[in-house]
Structures are given as C-alpha cells and as structure tokens.
Amino acid sequence: MTTTGTSVATQVYRVYIKATPQAIWDAITTPEWTERYGVGGRAEYELRQGGAYRVPTTEAMRKAGARMGLSVPDVMVDGEVIELDPPRRLVQTFRMLMDDATAAEGFTRLTWEIDELPGGVSKLTVVHELEGKPQLAALSAGERESEGAGGGWSYVLSDLKTLLETGSSMGASMAPSTGPDHR
C-alpha cells in the first residue's frame, strides 16, 4: 500500500476462497449475487468495454443514510467497465455518490483479479487506486465503521468469501440459502 498522511492512496486486498474463478466472477458481476453480501447493493454491470456500472440504493441504505443525516441519492456507486477478461480480470472506474464529499472526489480505478490455485481454491485480489481521494480511501479502508459507514473492502470481501463457502452471508441467519449455489 502507498500511504499519504493517514490516507492510503492504493489499497490492495487479497482473499483466498474455496470456489472456482467463475463462481467468484458471478458473485462480483451478477446482481442476484451482489445483493447477498457486503452492503447488499444490487450491482448492475454492462459487461463490455465502456459498459456502465451502477449500484442503485436500497431502502435499507436510504434509512441508514438518513440516520447519519445524509440525503441518499438513487444511485450509491457508478462507473464504467474499462477492461474485462471473464472470469479472470475486471477493471472499472468507481465513484461513490453516497455523500457530497466522496462524490466530489470523482472516479477511482478498481481492479478485480481472480487466479485459480490448486485444490479448488482461488485467489481474489482487489486493487483500489485512491490517489487524492481521502474521503473514499477512509471509507474503503473501513476507517468510518464506527460512524455506521461499514467496514470497507475488508468487510465486503470477507462476506463474499463467507457466502461462497457456506451459502450464507455473515449478516444472514443460518437458514438455508435461497440464491444461486456455487460452492
């Protein structure tokens, strides 16, 4: 990681998941999966170079934002697909729109890399380039968790791993999964 003051300019996260690269790719790019982990947003990708990326806000997100005194927009995150090589690599822009400070910072670059390893395990590496984006860097690092802003990429990726390996989200009850199964 590259550090500037207390903000990290490039954040790199790596997690090992007992799942195939295709299962991880689907969990990252399919709305039915993305709404089941992390912050519960239903990510919408146009999976082509130049395609749109957006995550509309949910009712739960609007309520949480209101508790924090925020006027929550209809879209939480937007961006554009820069490069894709399914199911191994996705590069996109990423702009957080949940509050004026992060929205004003503009677009960042987010890279997802999936490598298959022996034994049915895959390595997922997420690189988020945040140079000059201190608000989003703090949010992505989970530094605003005590404010109710979530645990950042560490939480999202931990929840993704848990969902793919067990069929349940960390926040979900232990009831059987009702969505797609890629274990």
N, C-alpha and C. Protein backbone atom coordinates (compact mmCIF):
# COMPACT_ATOMS: atom_id res chain seq x y z
N MET A 1 0.83 -1.18 0.00
CA MET A 1 0.00 0.00 0.00
C MET A 1 0.88 1.24 0.00
N THR A 2 0.39 2.28 -0.65
CA THR A 2 1.08 3.55 -0.66
C THR A 2 0.36 4.48 0.32
N THR A 3 1.09 5.08 1.23
CA THR A 3 0.48 5.90 2.26
C THR A 3 0.81 7.37 2.07
N THR A 4 -0.21 8.22 2.22
CA THR A 4 -0.02 9.67 2.23
C THR A 4 -0.74 10.18 3.47
N GLY A 5 0.00 10.66 4.45
CA GLY A 5 -0.62 11.08 5.70
C GLY A 5 -1.28 9.88 6.35
N THR A 6 -2.56 10.02 6.66
CA THR A 6 -3.28 8.89 7.24
C THR A 6 -4.13 8.19 6.18
N SER A 7 -4.12 8.68 4.96
CA SER A 7 -4.91 8.07 3.90
C SER A 7 -4.03 7.16 3.04
N VAL A 8 -4.59 6.07 2.60
CA VAL A 8 -3.87 5.14 1.74
C VAL A 8 -4.27 5.43 0.31
N ALA A 9 -3.29 5.69 -0.55
CA ALA A 9 -3.56 6.07 -1.94
C ALA A 9 -3.91 4.86 -2.80
N THR A 10 -3.28 3.73 -2.57
CA THR A 10 -3.62 2.50 -3.29
C THR A 10 -3.82 1.41 -2.25
N GLN A 11 -5.02 0.87 -2.23
CA GLN A 11 -5.35 -0.20 -1.29
C GLN A 11 -5.40 -1.52 -2.05
N VAL A 12 -4.74 -2.52 -1.48
CA VAL A 12 -4.71 -3.85 -2.08
C VAL A 12 -5.25 -4.84 -1.06
N TYR A 13 -6.25 -5.60 -1.48
CA TYR A 13 -6.87 -6.60 -0.63
C TYR A 13 -6.77 -7.95 -1.34
N ARG A 14 -6.47 -8.98 -0.57
CA ARG A 14 -6.35 -10.31 -1.15
C ARG A 14 -7.08 -11.29 -0.23
N VAL A 15 -7.87 -12.17 -0.84
CA VAL A 15 -8.59 -13.17 -0.08
C VAL A 15 -8.55 -14.48 -0.87
N TYR A 16 -8.44 -15.59 -0.15
CA TYR A 16 -8.43 -16.91 -0.76
C TYR A 16 -9.79 -17.54 -0.50
N ILE A 17 -10.42 -18.02 -1.56
CA ILE A 17 -11.79 -18.52 -1.47
C ILE A 17 -11.86 -19.93 -2.05
N LYS A 18 -12.50 -20.82 -1.34
CA LYS A 18 -12.70 -22.18 -1.86
C LYS A 18 -13.87 -22.11 -2.83
N ALA A 19 -13.57 -21.69 -4.05
CA ALA A 19 -14.56 -21.55 -5.12
C ALA A 19 -13.81 -21.41 -6.44
N THR A 20 -14.50 -21.66 -7.52
CA THR A 20 -13.90 -21.52 -8.85
C THR A 20 -13.82 -20.05 -9.25
N PRO A 21 -12.93 -19.71 -10.18
CA PRO A 21 -12.92 -18.33 -10.68
C PRO A 21 -14.29 -17.91 -11.24
N GLN A 22 -14.99 -18.82 -11.92
CA GLN A 22 -16.31 -18.48 -12.47
C GLN A 22 -17.30 -18.15 -11.37
N ALA A 23 -17.28 -18.90 -10.27
CA ALA A 23 -18.18 -18.61 -9.16
C ALA A 23 -17.90 -17.24 -8.57
N ILE A 24 -16.63 -16.89 -8.42
CA ILE A 24 -16.26 -15.58 -7.88
C ILE A 24 -16.66 -14.48 -8.86
N TRP A 25 -16.38 -14.69 -10.14
CA TRP A 25 -16.76 -13.72 -11.18
C TRP A 25 -18.26 -13.45 -11.12
N ASP A 26 -19.04 -14.52 -11.06
CA ASP A 26 -20.50 -14.37 -10.99
C ASP A 26 -20.92 -13.60 -9.75
N ALA A 27 -20.28 -13.89 -8.62
CA ALA A 27 -20.63 -13.20 -7.38
C ALA A 27 -20.30 -11.71 -7.43
N ILE A 28 -19.31 -11.34 -8.20
CA ILE A 28 -18.92 -9.93 -8.34
C ILE A 28 -19.80 -9.20 -9.35
N THR A 29 -20.22 -9.88 -10.42
CA THR A 29 -20.85 -9.20 -11.56
C THR A 29 -22.34 -9.46 -11.74
N THR A 30 -22.94 -10.33 -10.94
CA THR A 30 -24.34 -10.67 -11.11
C THR A 30 -25.18 -10.05 -9.99
N PRO A 31 -26.19 -9.26 -10.34
CA PRO A 31 -26.99 -8.58 -9.32
C PRO A 31 -27.58 -9.51 -8.27
N GLU A 32 -28.02 -10.69 -8.68
CA GLU A 32 -28.61 -11.64 -7.72
C GLU A 32 -27.60 -12.07 -6.66
N TRP A 33 -26.32 -12.02 -6.98
CA TRP A 33 -25.28 -12.33 -6.01
C TRP A 33 -24.89 -11.10 -5.21
N THR A 34 -24.65 -9.98 -5.86
CA THR A 34 -24.09 -8.81 -5.16
C THR A 34 -25.02 -8.30 -4.06
N GLU A 35 -26.32 -8.51 -4.20
CA GLU A 35 -27.24 -8.05 -3.17
C GLU A 35 -27.22 -8.93 -1.93
N ARG A 36 -26.48 -10.05 -1.98
CA ARG A 36 -26.46 -11.00 -0.88
C ARG A 36 -25.28 -10.85 0.06
N TYR A 37 -24.34 -9.96 -0.23
CA TYR A 37 -23.17 -9.80 0.64
C TYR A 37 -22.77 -8.34 0.69
N GLY A 38 -21.83 -8.03 1.59
CA GLY A 38 -21.34 -6.65 1.71
C GLY A 38 -22.43 -5.72 2.20
N VAL A 39 -22.64 -4.65 1.47
CA VAL A 39 -23.66 -3.67 1.86
C VAL A 39 -25.01 -4.00 1.27
N GLY A 40 -25.10 -5.09 0.51
CA GLY A 40 -26.38 -5.52 -0.02
C GLY A 40 -26.82 -4.79 -1.27
N GLY A 41 -25.91 -4.10 -1.93
CA GLY A 41 -26.26 -3.39 -3.16
C GLY A 41 -26.37 -4.32 -4.35
N ARG A 42 -27.29 -4.04 -5.21
CA ARG A 42 -27.53 -4.84 -6.42
C ARG A 42 -26.74 -4.23 -7.56
N ALA A 43 -25.47 -4.64 -7.70
CA ALA A 43 -24.58 -4.08 -8.73
C ALA A 43 -25.07 -4.47 -10.11
N GLU A 44 -25.09 -3.49 -11.00
CA GLU A 44 -25.51 -3.69 -12.38
C GLU A 44 -24.34 -3.37 -13.29
N TYR A 45 -23.88 -4.37 -14.03
CA TYR A 45 -22.77 -4.21 -14.96
C TYR A 45 -23.25 -4.43 -16.38
N GLU A 46 -22.82 -3.58 -17.29
CA GLU A 46 -22.89 -3.88 -18.71
C GLU A 46 -21.52 -4.47 -19.03
N LEU A 47 -21.43 -5.78 -19.11
CA LEU A 47 -20.14 -6.45 -19.21
C LEU A 47 -19.57 -6.38 -20.62
N ARG A 48 -19.09 -5.18 -20.94
CA ARG A 48 -18.38 -4.90 -22.20
C ARG A 48 -17.52 -3.69 -21.95
N GLN A 49 -16.45 -3.55 -22.71
CA GLN A 49 -15.59 -2.38 -22.56
C GLN A 49 -16.42 -1.14 -22.82
N GLY A 50 -16.37 -0.17 -21.91
CA GLY A 50 -17.16 1.04 -22.00
C GLY A 50 -18.55 0.91 -21.41
N GLY A 51 -18.89 -0.28 -20.93
CA GLY A 51 -20.21 -0.52 -20.35
C GLY A 51 -20.37 0.18 -19.01
N ALA A 52 -21.61 0.46 -18.67
CA ALA A 52 -21.92 1.16 -17.43
C ALA A 52 -21.87 0.21 -16.23
N TYR A 53 -21.56 0.78 -15.09
CA TYR A 53 -21.59 0.09 -13.80
C TYR A 53 -22.36 1.00 -12.86
N ARG A 54 -23.30 0.44 -12.12
CA ARG A 54 -24.03 1.24 -11.14
C ARG A 54 -24.60 0.35 -10.06
N VAL A 55 -24.76 0.94 -8.90
CA VAL A 55 -25.37 0.25 -7.77
C VAL A 55 -26.46 1.17 -7.22
N PRO A 56 -27.72 0.89 -7.58
CA PRO A 56 -28.82 1.70 -7.04
C PRO A 56 -28.91 1.51 -5.52
N THR A 57 -29.36 2.53 -4.82
CA THR A 57 -29.52 2.41 -3.38
C THR A 57 -30.78 1.59 -3.06
N THR A 58 -30.72 0.93 -1.92
CA THR A 58 -31.86 0.15 -1.43
C THR A 58 -32.57 0.96 -0.35
N GLU A 59 -33.72 0.50 0.03
CA GLU A 59 -34.47 1.15 1.12
C GLU A 59 -33.64 1.13 2.41
N ALA A 60 -32.96 0.03 2.68
CA ALA A 60 -32.12 -0.07 3.89
C ALA A 60 -30.99 0.96 3.84
N MET A 61 -30.40 1.16 2.67
CA MET A 61 -29.33 2.16 2.53
C MET A 61 -29.87 3.56 2.77
N ARG A 62 -31.06 3.83 2.24
CA ARG A 62 -31.65 5.16 2.44
C ARG A 62 -31.93 5.42 3.91
N LYS A 63 -32.44 4.40 4.61
CA LYS A 63 -32.72 4.55 6.05
C LYS A 63 -31.44 4.76 6.84
N ALA A 64 -30.39 3.99 6.51
CA ALA A 64 -29.10 4.13 7.20
C ALA A 64 -28.52 5.52 6.95
N GLY A 65 -28.61 5.99 5.71
CA GLY A 65 -28.12 7.33 5.38
C GLY A 65 -28.88 8.40 6.13
N ALA A 66 -30.18 8.25 6.24
CA ALA A 66 -31.00 9.22 6.97
C ALA A 66 -30.59 9.28 8.44
N ARG A 67 -30.29 8.10 9.03
CA ARG A 67 -29.83 8.07 10.43
C ARG A 67 -28.51 8.82 10.60
N MET A 68 -27.70 8.85 9.52
CA MET A 68 -26.41 9.55 9.56
C MET A 68 -26.55 11.01 9.12
N GLY A 69 -27.78 11.43 8.81
CA GLY A 69 -28.01 12.80 8.39
C GLY A 69 -27.68 13.06 6.93
N LEU A 70 -27.67 12.01 6.11
CA LEU A 70 -27.33 12.16 4.69
C LEU A 70 -28.58 12.12 3.83
N SER A 71 -28.55 12.87 2.76
CA SER A 71 -29.58 12.79 1.74
C SER A 71 -29.07 11.78 0.72
N VAL A 72 -29.63 10.59 0.73
CA VAL A 72 -29.10 9.49 -0.06
C VAL A 72 -29.65 9.54 -1.49
N PRO A 73 -28.76 9.50 -2.48
CA PRO A 73 -29.19 9.55 -3.88
C PRO A 73 -29.77 8.21 -4.33
N ASP A 74 -30.33 8.17 -5.52
CA ASP A 74 -30.91 6.94 -6.07
C ASP A 74 -29.84 5.92 -6.47
N VAL A 75 -28.63 6.40 -6.76
CA VAL A 75 -27.53 5.52 -7.13
C VAL A 75 -26.40 5.74 -6.13
N MET A 76 -25.93 4.64 -5.52
CA MET A 76 -24.88 4.70 -4.50
C MET A 76 -23.49 4.80 -5.12
N VAL A 77 -23.26 4.02 -6.19
CA VAL A 77 -21.96 3.98 -6.85
C VAL A 77 -22.20 3.90 -8.36
N ASP A 78 -21.34 4.56 -9.12
CA ASP A 78 -21.39 4.40 -10.57
C ASP A 78 -19.98 4.32 -11.13
N GLY A 79 -19.90 3.99 -12.40
CA GLY A 79 -18.60 3.88 -13.05
C GLY A 79 -18.74 3.29 -14.43
N GLU A 80 -17.61 2.83 -14.95
CA GLU A 80 -17.56 2.30 -16.31
C GLU A 80 -16.58 1.12 -16.36
N VAL A 81 -16.92 0.13 -17.16
CA VAL A 81 -16.04 -1.01 -17.36
C VAL A 81 -14.92 -0.58 -18.31
N ILE A 82 -13.68 -0.73 -17.88
CA ILE A 82 -12.52 -0.35 -18.69
C ILE A 82 -11.98 -1.57 -19.44
N GLU A 83 -11.90 -2.68 -18.73
CA GLU A 83 -11.28 -3.89 -19.29
C GLU A 83 -11.92 -5.10 -18.64
N LEU A 84 -12.13 -6.18 -19.41
CA LEU A 84 -12.62 -7.40 -18.81
C LEU A 84 -12.10 -8.61 -19.55
N ASP A 85 -11.83 -9.64 -18.75
CA ASP A 85 -11.37 -10.93 -19.25
C ASP A 85 -12.01 -11.99 -18.35
N PRO A 86 -13.32 -12.27 -18.58
CA PRO A 86 -14.03 -13.20 -17.71
C PRO A 86 -13.42 -14.59 -17.76
N PRO A 87 -13.35 -15.30 -16.67
CA PRO A 87 -13.63 -14.90 -15.30
C PRO A 87 -12.36 -14.55 -14.52
N ARG A 88 -11.43 -13.87 -15.13
CA ARG A 88 -10.12 -13.64 -14.50
C ARG A 88 -9.85 -12.19 -14.09
N ARG A 89 -10.37 -11.22 -14.84
CA ARG A 89 -9.97 -9.83 -14.58
C ARG A 89 -11.08 -8.88 -14.99
N LEU A 90 -11.31 -7.90 -14.12
CA LEU A 90 -12.25 -6.82 -14.39
C LEU A 90 -11.62 -5.53 -13.88
N VAL A 91 -11.54 -4.55 -14.77
CA VAL A 91 -11.03 -3.22 -14.40
C VAL A 91 -12.17 -2.24 -14.67
N GLN A 92 -12.43 -1.38 -13.71
CA GLN A 92 -13.54 -0.44 -13.84
C GLN A 92 -13.22 0.87 -13.14
N THR A 93 -14.01 1.89 -13.46
CA THR A 93 -13.96 3.10 -12.65
C THR A 93 -15.02 2.94 -11.57
N PHE A 94 -14.87 3.72 -10.50
CA PHE A 94 -15.72 3.58 -9.32
C PHE A 94 -15.86 4.97 -8.69
N ARG A 95 -17.10 5.44 -8.56
CA ARG A 95 -17.34 6.73 -7.91
C ARG A 95 -18.43 6.54 -6.87
N MET A 96 -18.12 6.86 -5.62
CA MET A 96 -19.08 6.76 -4.52
C MET A 96 -19.93 8.03 -4.48
N LEU A 97 -21.24 7.87 -4.50
CA LEU A 97 -22.15 9.02 -4.56
C LEU A 97 -22.96 9.20 -3.28
N MET A 98 -22.65 8.43 -2.24
CA MET A 98 -23.47 8.44 -1.02
C MET A 98 -23.45 9.75 -0.25
N ASP A 99 -22.40 10.52 -0.36
CA ASP A 99 -22.39 11.82 0.29
C ASP A 99 -21.62 12.80 -0.59
N ASP A 100 -21.82 14.07 -0.35
CA ASP A 100 -21.23 15.11 -1.20
C ASP A 100 -19.70 15.05 -1.22
N ALA A 101 -19.09 14.75 -0.08
CA ALA A 101 -17.62 14.75 -0.01
C ALA A 101 -17.01 13.66 -0.89
N THR A 102 -17.54 12.44 -0.80
CA THR A 102 -16.98 11.38 -1.63
C THR A 102 -17.37 11.55 -3.09
N ALA A 103 -18.57 12.03 -3.35
CA ALA A 103 -19.00 12.26 -4.75
C ALA A 103 -18.10 13.30 -5.42
N ALA A 104 -17.72 14.34 -4.67
CA ALA A 104 -16.88 15.41 -5.22
C ALA A 104 -15.47 14.91 -5.56
N GLU A 105 -15.03 13.83 -4.94
CA GLU A 105 -13.70 13.30 -5.23
C GLU A 105 -13.62 12.66 -6.61
N GLY A 106 -14.74 12.30 -7.19
CA GLY A 106 -14.76 11.77 -8.55
C GLY A 106 -14.43 10.30 -8.64
N PHE A 107 -14.03 9.89 -9.84
CA PHE A 107 -13.83 8.47 -10.15
C PHE A 107 -12.47 7.97 -9.70
N THR A 108 -12.45 6.70 -9.26
CA THR A 108 -11.24 5.98 -8.93
C THR A 108 -11.16 4.77 -9.85
N ARG A 109 -10.07 4.05 -9.76
CA ARG A 109 -9.88 2.83 -10.57
C ARG A 109 -9.89 1.62 -9.64
N LEU A 110 -10.68 0.63 -10.02
CA LEU A 110 -10.84 -0.57 -9.22
C LEU A 110 -10.55 -1.78 -10.11
N THR A 111 -9.64 -2.64 -9.66
CA THR A 111 -9.26 -3.83 -10.43
C THR A 111 -9.54 -5.08 -9.60
N TRP A 112 -10.24 -6.03 -10.22
CA TRP A 112 -10.51 -7.34 -9.63
C TRP A 112 -9.70 -8.36 -10.42
N GLU A 113 -8.87 -9.15 -9.74
CA GLU A 113 -8.10 -10.21 -10.40
C GLU A 113 -8.39 -11.53 -9.69
N ILE A 114 -8.71 -12.56 -10.47
CA ILE A 114 -9.05 -13.87 -9.92
C ILE A 114 -8.08 -14.89 -10.50
N ASP A 115 -7.35 -15.57 -9.61
CA ASP A 115 -6.38 -16.59 -10.02
C ASP A 115 -6.80 -17.93 -9.43
N GLU A 116 -6.85 -18.96 -10.28
CA GLU A 116 -7.17 -20.30 -9.82
C GLU A 116 -5.91 -20.95 -9.25
N LEU A 117 -6.07 -21.56 -8.10
CA LEU A 117 -4.98 -22.26 -7.42
C LEU A 117 -5.34 -23.74 -7.28
N PRO A 118 -4.40 -24.56 -6.92
CA PRO A 118 -4.70 -25.99 -6.73
C PRO A 118 -5.70 -26.21 -5.60
N GLY A 119 -6.40 -27.33 -5.68
CA GLY A 119 -7.29 -27.73 -4.59
C GLY A 119 -8.64 -27.05 -4.56
N GLY A 120 -9.07 -26.47 -5.68
CA GLY A 120 -10.38 -25.83 -5.71
C GLY A 120 -10.42 -24.47 -5.04
N VAL A 121 -9.26 -23.85 -4.87
CA VAL A 121 -9.16 -22.54 -4.23
C VAL A 121 -8.80 -21.50 -5.28
N SER A 122 -9.36 -20.31 -5.12
CA SER A 122 -9.00 -19.19 -5.99
C SER A 122 -8.55 -18.02 -5.14
N LYS A 123 -7.65 -17.23 -5.70
CA LYS A 123 -7.16 -16.02 -5.04
C LYS A 123 -7.84 -14.83 -5.71
N LEU A 124 -8.50 -14.02 -4.91
CA LEU A 124 -9.12 -12.79 -5.39
C LEU A 124 -8.31 -11.61 -4.87
N THR A 125 -7.81 -10.80 -5.78
CA THR A 125 -7.07 -9.59 -5.42
C THR A 125 -7.85 -8.39 -5.91
N VAL A 126 -8.08 -7.43 -5.02
CA VAL A 126 -8.78 -6.19 -5.35
C VAL A 126 -7.80 -5.05 -5.13
N VAL A 127 -7.59 -4.25 -6.17
CA VAL A 127 -6.71 -3.08 -6.09
C VAL A 127 -7.57 -1.86 -6.33
N HIS A 128 -7.61 -0.97 -5.34
CA HIS A 128 -8.41 0.25 -5.45
C HIS A 128 -7.45 1.45 -5.41
N GLU A 129 -7.34 2.15 -6.54
CA GLU A 129 -6.45 3.29 -6.67
C GLU A 129 -7.20 4.55 -6.22
N LEU A 130 -6.71 5.15 -5.12
CA LEU A 130 -7.43 6.22 -4.44
C LEU A 130 -6.61 7.49 -4.27
N GLU A 131 -5.64 7.70 -5.14
CA GLU A 131 -4.79 8.88 -5.06
C GLU A 131 -5.65 10.16 -5.07
N GLY A 132 -5.46 11.00 -4.06
CA GLY A 132 -6.18 12.26 -3.98
C GLY A 132 -7.64 12.11 -3.60
N LYS A 133 -8.02 10.97 -3.03
CA LYS A 133 -9.42 10.70 -2.66
C LYS A 133 -9.49 10.31 -1.19
N PRO A 134 -9.15 11.21 -0.27
CA PRO A 134 -9.05 10.83 1.15
C PRO A 134 -10.36 10.37 1.77
N GLN A 135 -11.48 10.93 1.36
CA GLN A 135 -12.75 10.51 1.94
C GLN A 135 -13.08 9.06 1.55
N LEU A 136 -12.95 8.75 0.27
CA LEU A 136 -13.23 7.40 -0.19
C LEU A 136 -12.18 6.41 0.33
N ALA A 137 -10.93 6.85 0.44
CA ALA A 137 -9.88 5.97 0.98
C ALA A 137 -10.22 5.57 2.41
N ALA A 138 -10.67 6.52 3.22
CA ALA A 138 -11.05 6.21 4.61
C ALA A 138 -12.24 5.26 4.65
N LEU A 139 -13.21 5.52 3.80
CA LEU A 139 -14.40 4.66 3.74
C LEU A 139 -14.03 3.25 3.28
N SER A 140 -13.21 3.14 2.23
CA SER A 140 -12.80 1.85 1.68
C SER A 140 -11.96 1.04 2.67
N ALA A 141 -11.19 1.73 3.49
CA ALA A 141 -10.34 1.08 4.49
C ALA A 141 -11.12 0.68 5.74
N GLY A 142 -12.39 1.07 5.82
CA GLY A 142 -13.19 0.75 6.99
C GLY A 142 -12.98 1.68 8.15
N GLU A 143 -12.31 2.81 7.91
CA GLU A 143 -11.99 3.75 8.99
C GLU A 143 -13.22 4.50 9.51
N ARG A 144 -14.34 4.42 8.79
CA ARG A 144 -15.57 5.11 9.22
C ARG A 144 -16.62 4.13 9.73
N GLU A 145 -16.18 2.92 10.05
CA GLU A 145 -17.11 1.89 10.53
C GLU A 145 -17.84 2.33 11.80
N SER A 146 -17.14 2.99 12.71
CA SER A 146 -17.76 3.42 13.97
C SER A 146 -18.86 4.46 13.74
N GLU A 147 -18.85 5.11 12.57
CA GLU A 147 -19.89 6.08 12.22
C GLU A 147 -21.09 5.41 11.56
N GLY A 148 -21.00 4.10 11.36
CA GLY A 148 -22.07 3.38 10.69
C GLY A 148 -21.88 3.29 9.20
N ALA A 149 -20.66 3.60 8.72
CA ALA A 149 -20.40 3.62 7.28
C ALA A 149 -19.85 2.29 6.76
N GLY A 150 -19.84 1.25 7.56
CA GLY A 150 -19.41 -0.07 7.10
C GLY A 150 -17.93 -0.31 7.27
N GLY A 151 -17.54 -1.56 7.04
CA GLY A 151 -16.16 -2.00 7.25
C GLY A 151 -15.30 -1.97 6.02
N GLY A 152 -15.75 -1.30 4.96
CA GLY A 152 -14.94 -1.15 3.76
C GLY A 152 -14.73 -2.46 3.01
N TRP A 153 -13.67 -2.48 2.20
CA TRP A 153 -13.38 -3.64 1.36
C TRP A 153 -13.13 -4.90 2.18
N SER A 154 -12.50 -4.77 3.35
CA SER A 154 -12.23 -5.95 4.17
C SER A 154 -13.53 -6.66 4.53
N TYR A 155 -14.53 -5.89 4.90
CA TYR A 155 -15.84 -6.49 5.24
C TYR A 155 -16.50 -7.09 4.01
N VAL A 156 -16.53 -6.34 2.91
CA VAL A 156 -17.18 -6.82 1.69
C VAL A 156 -16.57 -8.13 1.22
N LEU A 157 -15.24 -8.20 1.18
CA LEU A 157 -14.56 -9.40 0.70
C LEU A 157 -14.69 -10.56 1.68
N SER A 158 -14.69 -10.29 2.97
CA SER A 158 -14.91 -11.35 3.97
C SER A 158 -16.31 -11.92 3.81
N ASP A 159 -17.27 -11.06 3.58
CA ASP A 159 -18.65 -11.51 3.42
C ASP A 159 -18.82 -12.30 2.11
N LEU A 160 -18.16 -11.85 1.05
CA LEU A 160 -18.19 -12.57 -0.23
C LEU A 160 -17.63 -13.98 -0.04
N LYS A 161 -16.49 -14.09 0.63
CA LYS A 161 -15.86 -15.39 0.90
C LYS A 161 -16.81 -16.27 1.70
N THR A 162 -17.38 -15.73 2.76
CA THR A 162 -18.29 -16.49 3.60
C THR A 162 -19.49 -16.99 2.80
N LEU A 163 -20.06 -16.14 1.99
CA LEU A 163 -21.22 -16.52 1.19
C LEU A 163 -20.88 -17.65 0.22
N LEU A 164 -19.77 -17.50 -0.50
CA LEU A 164 -19.40 -18.53 -1.47
C LEU A 164 -19.05 -19.86 -0.82
N GLU A 165 -18.44 -19.81 0.35
CA GLU A 165 -18.01 -21.06 1.00
C GLU A 165 -19.10 -21.73 1.83
N THR A 166 -20.05 -20.94 2.34
CA THR A 166 -21.06 -21.52 3.24
C THR A 166 -22.47 -21.44 2.69
N GLY A 167 -22.71 -20.55 1.73
CA GLY A 167 -24.06 -20.36 1.22
C GLY A 167 -24.84 -19.30 1.98
N SER A 168 -24.24 -18.74 3.04
CA SER A 168 -24.89 -17.70 3.83
C SER A 168 -23.97 -16.51 4.01
N SER A 169 -24.55 -15.34 4.05
CA SER A 169 -23.81 -14.12 4.33
C SER A 169 -23.47 -14.05 5.81
N MET A 170 -22.45 -13.28 6.18
CA MET A 170 -22.11 -13.11 7.59
C MET A 170 -23.27 -12.49 8.36
N GLY A 171 -24.03 -11.62 7.69
CA GLY A 171 -25.15 -10.96 8.34
C GLY A 171 -26.44 -11.75 8.25
N ALA A 172 -26.46 -12.80 7.45
CA ALA A 172 -27.68 -13.58 7.27
C ALA A 172 -27.86 -14.59 8.39
N SER A 173 -29.09 -15.02 8.56
CA SER A 173 -29.34 -16.09 9.53
C SER A 173 -28.73 -17.37 8.99
N MET A 174 -28.72 -18.39 9.75
CA MET A 174 -28.15 -19.66 9.32
C MET A 174 -29.16 -20.49 8.52
N ALA A 175 -30.24 -19.86 8.10
CA ALA A 175 -31.24 -20.56 7.27
C ALA A 175 -30.60 -20.94 5.95
N PRO A 176 -31.10 -22.00 5.31
CA PRO A 176 -30.53 -22.41 4.02
C PRO A 176 -30.60 -21.29 2.99
N SER A 177 -29.61 -21.25 2.13
CA SER A 177 -29.53 -20.25 1.07
C SER A 177 -30.64 -20.47 0.06
N THR A 178 -31.17 -19.34 -0.47
CA THR A 178 -32.22 -19.44 -1.49
C THR A 178 -31.73 -18.99 -2.85
N GLY A 179 -30.51 -18.51 -2.92
CA GLY A 179 -29.99 -17.99 -4.19
C GLY A 179 -29.14 -19.02 -4.90
N PRO A 180 -28.42 -18.58 -5.95
CA PRO A 180 -27.56 -19.47 -6.71
C PRO A 180 -26.53 -20.14 -5.80
N ASP A 181 -26.17 -21.36 -6.11
CA ASP A 181 -25.21 -22.10 -5.30
C ASP A 181 -23.97 -22.39 -6.11
N HIS A 182 -22.81 -21.87 -5.67
CA HIS A 182 -21.54 -22.07 -6.39
C HIS A 182 -20.50 -22.73 -5.49
N ARG A 183 -20.91 -23.35 -4.41
CA ARG A 183 -19.92 -23.98 -3.53
C ARG A 183 -19.25 -25.13 -4.18
